[in-house]
Amino acid sequence: PSSSSSPLEISDLTKFPTEDLPRSVQKIHTRYLAKSHKLSNLLLEVTRIEAKRDTSESGLSEGQENTILKNNEKIRNLQEDMEGLEKEIMASIGRKVKKEGKKQPVSKEGGFYEEEE
């Protein structure tokens, strides 16, 4: 039996425009997008395997159970990595915004909004 983890909602950072950001931040964003794609694939695989548990009379095989456990560990690691990358990107955006004297975009529940003062 696997521990049931709720699927991570992919942040709107995957849709965030990066053209005006420094090349180094664009590279971080590209790494973030790659991890986001990998995360989506792992979540889909776990969902499909767990769906078999519901439809199969004999349950899941040991290999399927092990795959779920390994994927859940990879999911946790990817979430941690993505969180770190998101912080790097947001810090860079904050520095850029301060230089330009605009309001800073703030991540809220995976989205962006202008912080009200």
Foldseek 3Di string as FASTA:
>chain_A
DDDDDDQDDAFCLLVDDCPPADPVLVVLSVVLNVLSVVLVVLVVLLVVLVVVQVVDPVGHDPVSVVSNVVSVVSNVVSVVSNVVSVVVNLVRQVVVCVVVVHFRWDQDSRYTDGDDD
